[in-house]
Amino acid sequence: MATASVKSFFQRCSTSFKEYWKQLGNDYLTVAKDTFEGCKSKPVRSGFIFSGIAFMTYAYKTNPTEIDMLNYMCEKRQQLSEVPVSQYNPKTKAEMVRRDYLLNKDRLNYYNLWFFSLLVSSPSNNNLRIYSSQTPLLKDWPWNEFWNNIVDVGYLGTWKNLDAAFENFDINTDEIDQLPDDSSS
C-alpha cells in the first residue's frame, strides 16, 4: 500500500513537472511573438528601448570593481612616477595623497551599485569600536553622511574624480601662478 501511494505521488509530480515546463515554455514563446510584433508596429519606440537596454548592459559589464579601482590607482601612480616631483600638479598630488591616506587607514569603502560604483570615505576605521564611532547620537543622518563623504564615482570603466584630478597632472600650477604677467609691459 505504501509503495502504491509513493508511486502515485511520483507519477503526479512527474506529470505536473512536465506540464509546468511546457506551460512556461509556451508563455515565453507567446511573449517573444508579441514582442516581435510590437517591434514591427512601433520601430522607433523599440529602438529606444533596445538602445537603453544595450547601454545598461554595457554599463553593467564595464562597471569598475574594487580590484579595478586599485589597479587604476596603480596605473595613475605609474604615470605620476614618470614626471619629476617638481612638476606635479598640486591637485593631482593632493588627490593621490588623500586616497592613499584613506586606504591605509581602512576608511575607503567601495559600493557596487550594478551600473556604477561609489567610493565613500568613513569618518573612522571600519574596525574601530570606540563610543564616538558607534553611537547614533553623535552621527549625522545616514544619507547625509553617505552623500557628504563620496570620494569618487566609477562608471563605464573609469573613475570620474580621479580622472579629473589627473587632467594636466604634469603641469605645476603653483609655478605658473608665480610667473610674471605679460600684460604689464
Protein backbone atom coordinates (compact mmCIF):
# COMPACT_ATOMS: atom_id res chain seq x y z
CA MET A 1 0.00 0.00 0.00
CA ALA A 2 2.80 2.41 0.87
CA THR A 3 4.60 1.71 -2.39
CA ALA A 4 1.43 2.43 -4.36
CA SER A 5 0.99 5.84 -2.72
CA VAL A 6 4.66 6.70 -3.28
CA LYS A 7 4.40 5.57 -6.89
CA SER A 8 1.26 7.62 -7.49
CA PHE A 9 2.89 10.65 -5.83
CA PHE A 10 5.85 10.49 -8.21
CA GLN A 11 3.56 9.97 -11.20
CA ARG A 12 1.57 13.07 -10.22
CA CYS A 13 4.76 15.05 -9.66
CA SER A 14 6.25 13.96 -12.95
CA THR A 15 3.16 14.94 -14.95
CA SER A 16 2.79 18.24 -13.12
CA PHE A 17 6.53 18.87 -13.55
CA LYS A 18 6.28 18.23 -17.29
CA GLU A 19 3.16 20.38 -17.59
CA TYR A 20 4.84 23.20 -15.67
CA TRP A 21 7.78 23.34 -18.07
CA LYS A 22 5.53 23.04 -21.12
CA GLN A 23 3.39 25.93 -19.86
CA LEU A 24 6.45 28.02 -19.03
CA GLY A 25 7.93 27.45 -22.50
CA ASN A 26 4.60 28.32 -24.11
CA ASP A 27 4.39 31.55 -22.07
CA TYR A 28 7.88 32.65 -23.13
CA LEU A 29 7.12 31.80 -26.75
CA THR A 30 3.96 33.93 -26.61
CA VAL A 31 5.87 36.84 -25.08
CA ALA A 32 8.58 36.58 -27.76
CA LYS A 33 5.98 36.61 -30.54
CA ASP A 34 4.17 39.61 -29.02
CA THR A 35 7.46 41.47 -28.61
CA PHE A 36 8.41 40.82 -32.23
CA GLU A 37 5.02 42.07 -33.43
CA GLY A 38 5.32 45.15 -31.20
CA CYS A 39 8.74 45.89 -32.68
CA LYS A 40 7.28 45.76 -36.17
CA SER A 41 4.38 48.07 -35.34
CA LYS A 42 6.42 50.67 -33.34
CA PRO A 43 10.03 50.58 -34.56
CA VAL A 44 11.13 53.95 -33.07
CA ARG A 45 9.90 53.06 -29.59
CA SER A 46 11.52 49.64 -29.88
CA GLY A 47 14.79 51.25 -30.97
CA PHE A 48 14.83 53.49 -27.89
CA ILE A 49 14.03 50.59 -25.58
CA PHE A 50 16.67 48.28 -27.08
CA SER A 51 19.33 51.02 -27.13
CA GLY A 52 18.55 51.73 -23.45
CA ILE A 53 18.87 48.05 -22.64
CA ALA A 54 22.13 47.88 -24.62
CA PHE A 55 23.53 50.91 -22.77
CA MET A 56 22.58 49.49 -19.38
CA THR A 57 24.17 46.16 -20.32
CA TYR A 58 27.35 47.98 -21.38
CA ALA A 59 27.34 50.00 -18.14
CA TYR A 60 26.91 46.81 -16.11
CA LYS A 61 29.72 45.00 -17.95
CA THR A 62 32.17 47.92 -17.65
CA ASN A 63 31.34 48.85 -14.06
CA PRO A 64 34.71 49.01 -12.26
CA THR A 65 35.21 46.61 -9.38
CA GLU A 66 37.25 47.24 -6.25
CA ILE A 67 40.22 45.42 -7.80
CA ASP A 68 39.84 47.57 -10.93
CA MET A 69 39.91 50.67 -8.73
CA LEU A 70 43.15 49.58 -7.06
CA ASN A 71 44.69 48.72 -10.44
CA TYR A 72 43.54 52.07 -11.85
CA MET A 73 45.23 53.86 -8.95
CA CYS A 74 48.43 51.89 -9.61
CA GLU A 75 48.32 52.89 -13.28
CA LYS A 76 47.84 56.54 -12.34
CA ARG A 77 50.66 56.31 -9.80
CA GLN A 78 52.87 54.85 -12.55
CA GLN A 79 52.02 57.81 -14.81
CA LEU A 80 52.86 60.16 -11.96
CA SER A 81 56.23 58.46 -11.39
CA GLU A 82 57.29 59.35 -14.94
CA VAL A 83 57.14 63.06 -14.10
CA PRO A 84 59.63 64.87 -11.83
CA VAL A 85 58.21 65.70 -8.40
CA SER A 86 58.75 69.41 -9.04
CA GLN A 87 56.27 69.26 -11.94
CA TYR A 88 53.40 67.52 -10.12
CA ASN A 89 50.09 69.30 -10.30
CA PRO A 90 49.14 70.08 -6.66
CA LYS A 91 45.55 68.96 -7.29
CA THR A 92 46.73 65.58 -8.58
CA LYS A 93 49.16 65.10 -5.71
CA ALA A 94 46.51 66.03 -3.12
CA GLU A 95 44.03 63.56 -4.61
CA MET A 96 46.53 60.69 -4.57
CA VAL A 97 47.66 61.51 -1.02
CA ARG A 98 44.02 61.63 0.13
CA ARG A 99 43.21 58.25 -1.41
CA ASP A 100 46.38 56.65 -0.06
CA TYR A 101 45.61 58.01 3.40
CA LEU A 102 42.03 56.67 3.33
CA LEU A 103 43.16 53.27 2.03
CA ASN A 104 45.92 52.95 4.62
CA LYS A 105 43.55 53.89 7.45
CA ASP A 106 40.89 51.44 6.11
CA ARG A 107 38.43 54.29 5.73
CA LEU A 108 37.68 53.95 2.00
CA ASN A 109 34.60 51.84 1.28
CA TYR A 110 33.63 50.50 -2.13
CA TYR A 111 29.96 50.07 -3.11
CA ASN A 112 28.93 48.28 -6.30
CA LEU A 113 25.55 49.58 -7.48
CA TRP A 114 25.31 47.40 -10.63
CA PHE A 115 25.63 50.16 -13.24
CA PHE A 116 28.10 52.36 -11.35
CA SER A 117 30.33 52.18 -8.28
CA LEU A 118 30.88 54.54 -5.38
CA LEU A 119 33.92 55.15 -3.22
CA VAL A 120 32.86 56.55 0.13
CA SER A 121 35.10 57.63 2.98
CA SER A 122 34.06 56.85 6.52
CA PRO A 123 34.84 59.15 9.45
CA SER A 124 36.73 56.39 11.25
CA ASN A 125 38.26 52.99 10.64
CA ASN A 126 35.67 50.28 9.99
CA ASN A 127 37.06 48.15 12.84
CA LEU A 128 37.23 50.97 15.37
CA ARG A 129 34.89 50.33 18.30
CA ILE A 130 35.02 53.48 20.40
CA TYR A 131 31.97 55.33 21.63
CA SER A 132 32.14 58.24 19.19
CA SER A 133 32.23 55.91 16.19
CA GLN A 134 29.39 53.65 17.38
CA THR A 135 26.71 55.83 18.95
CA PRO A 136 23.96 57.02 16.63
CA LEU A 137 23.51 60.14 18.78
CA LEU A 138 26.77 61.64 17.52
CA LYS A 139 26.27 60.73 13.88
CA ASP A 140 24.61 62.69 11.12
CA TRP A 141 21.66 61.22 9.24
CA PRO A 142 22.93 58.17 7.30
CA TRP A 143 22.05 59.59 3.88
CA ASN A 144 23.75 62.92 4.70
CA GLU A 145 26.84 61.14 5.98
CA PHE A 146 26.90 58.96 2.88
CA TRP A 147 26.31 61.84 0.44
CA ASN A 148 28.87 64.18 2.02
CA ASN A 149 31.61 61.52 2.07
CA ILE A 150 31.50 60.36 -1.56
CA VAL A 151 35.09 60.32 -2.81
CA ASP A 152 34.54 59.11 -6.36
CA VAL A 153 32.03 57.65 -8.81
CA GLY A 154 33.11 54.86 -11.14
CA TYR A 155 31.22 54.19 -14.35
CA LEU A 156 31.95 52.87 -17.84
CA GLY A 157 35.39 51.67 -16.76
CA THR A 158 36.65 54.99 -15.35
CA TRP A 159 36.65 56.95 -12.10
CA LYS A 160 35.29 60.48 -12.50
CA ASN A 161 37.16 62.43 -9.80
CA LEU A 162 40.46 60.61 -10.27
CA ASP A 163 40.40 61.32 -14.00
CA ALA A 164 39.54 64.97 -13.31
CA ALA A 165 42.45 65.22 -10.86
CA PHE A 166 44.84 63.75 -13.44
CA GLU A 167 43.98 66.29 -16.09
CA ASN A 168 47.26 68.19 -16.70
CA PHE A 169 48.96 66.15 -13.95
CA ASP A 170 52.38 67.13 -15.29
CA ILE A 171 51.86 70.91 -15.05
CA ASN A 172 52.68 72.54 -11.73
CA THR A 173 50.09 75.31 -11.48
CA ASP A 174 51.88 76.86 -8.49
CA GLU A 175 54.88 77.66 -10.70
CA ILE A 176 52.65 79.07 -13.43
CA ASP A 177 50.94 81.36 -10.92
CA GLN A 178 54.33 82.78 -9.92
CA LEU A 179 55.29 83.74 -13.48
CA PRO A 180 55.25 87.48 -14.25
CA ASP A 181 52.21 88.79 -16.06
CA ASP A 182 52.92 89.88 -19.67
CA SER A 183 50.09 92.41 -19.73
CA SER A 184 52.02 94.88 -17.53
CA SER A 185 54.64 95.64 -20.22
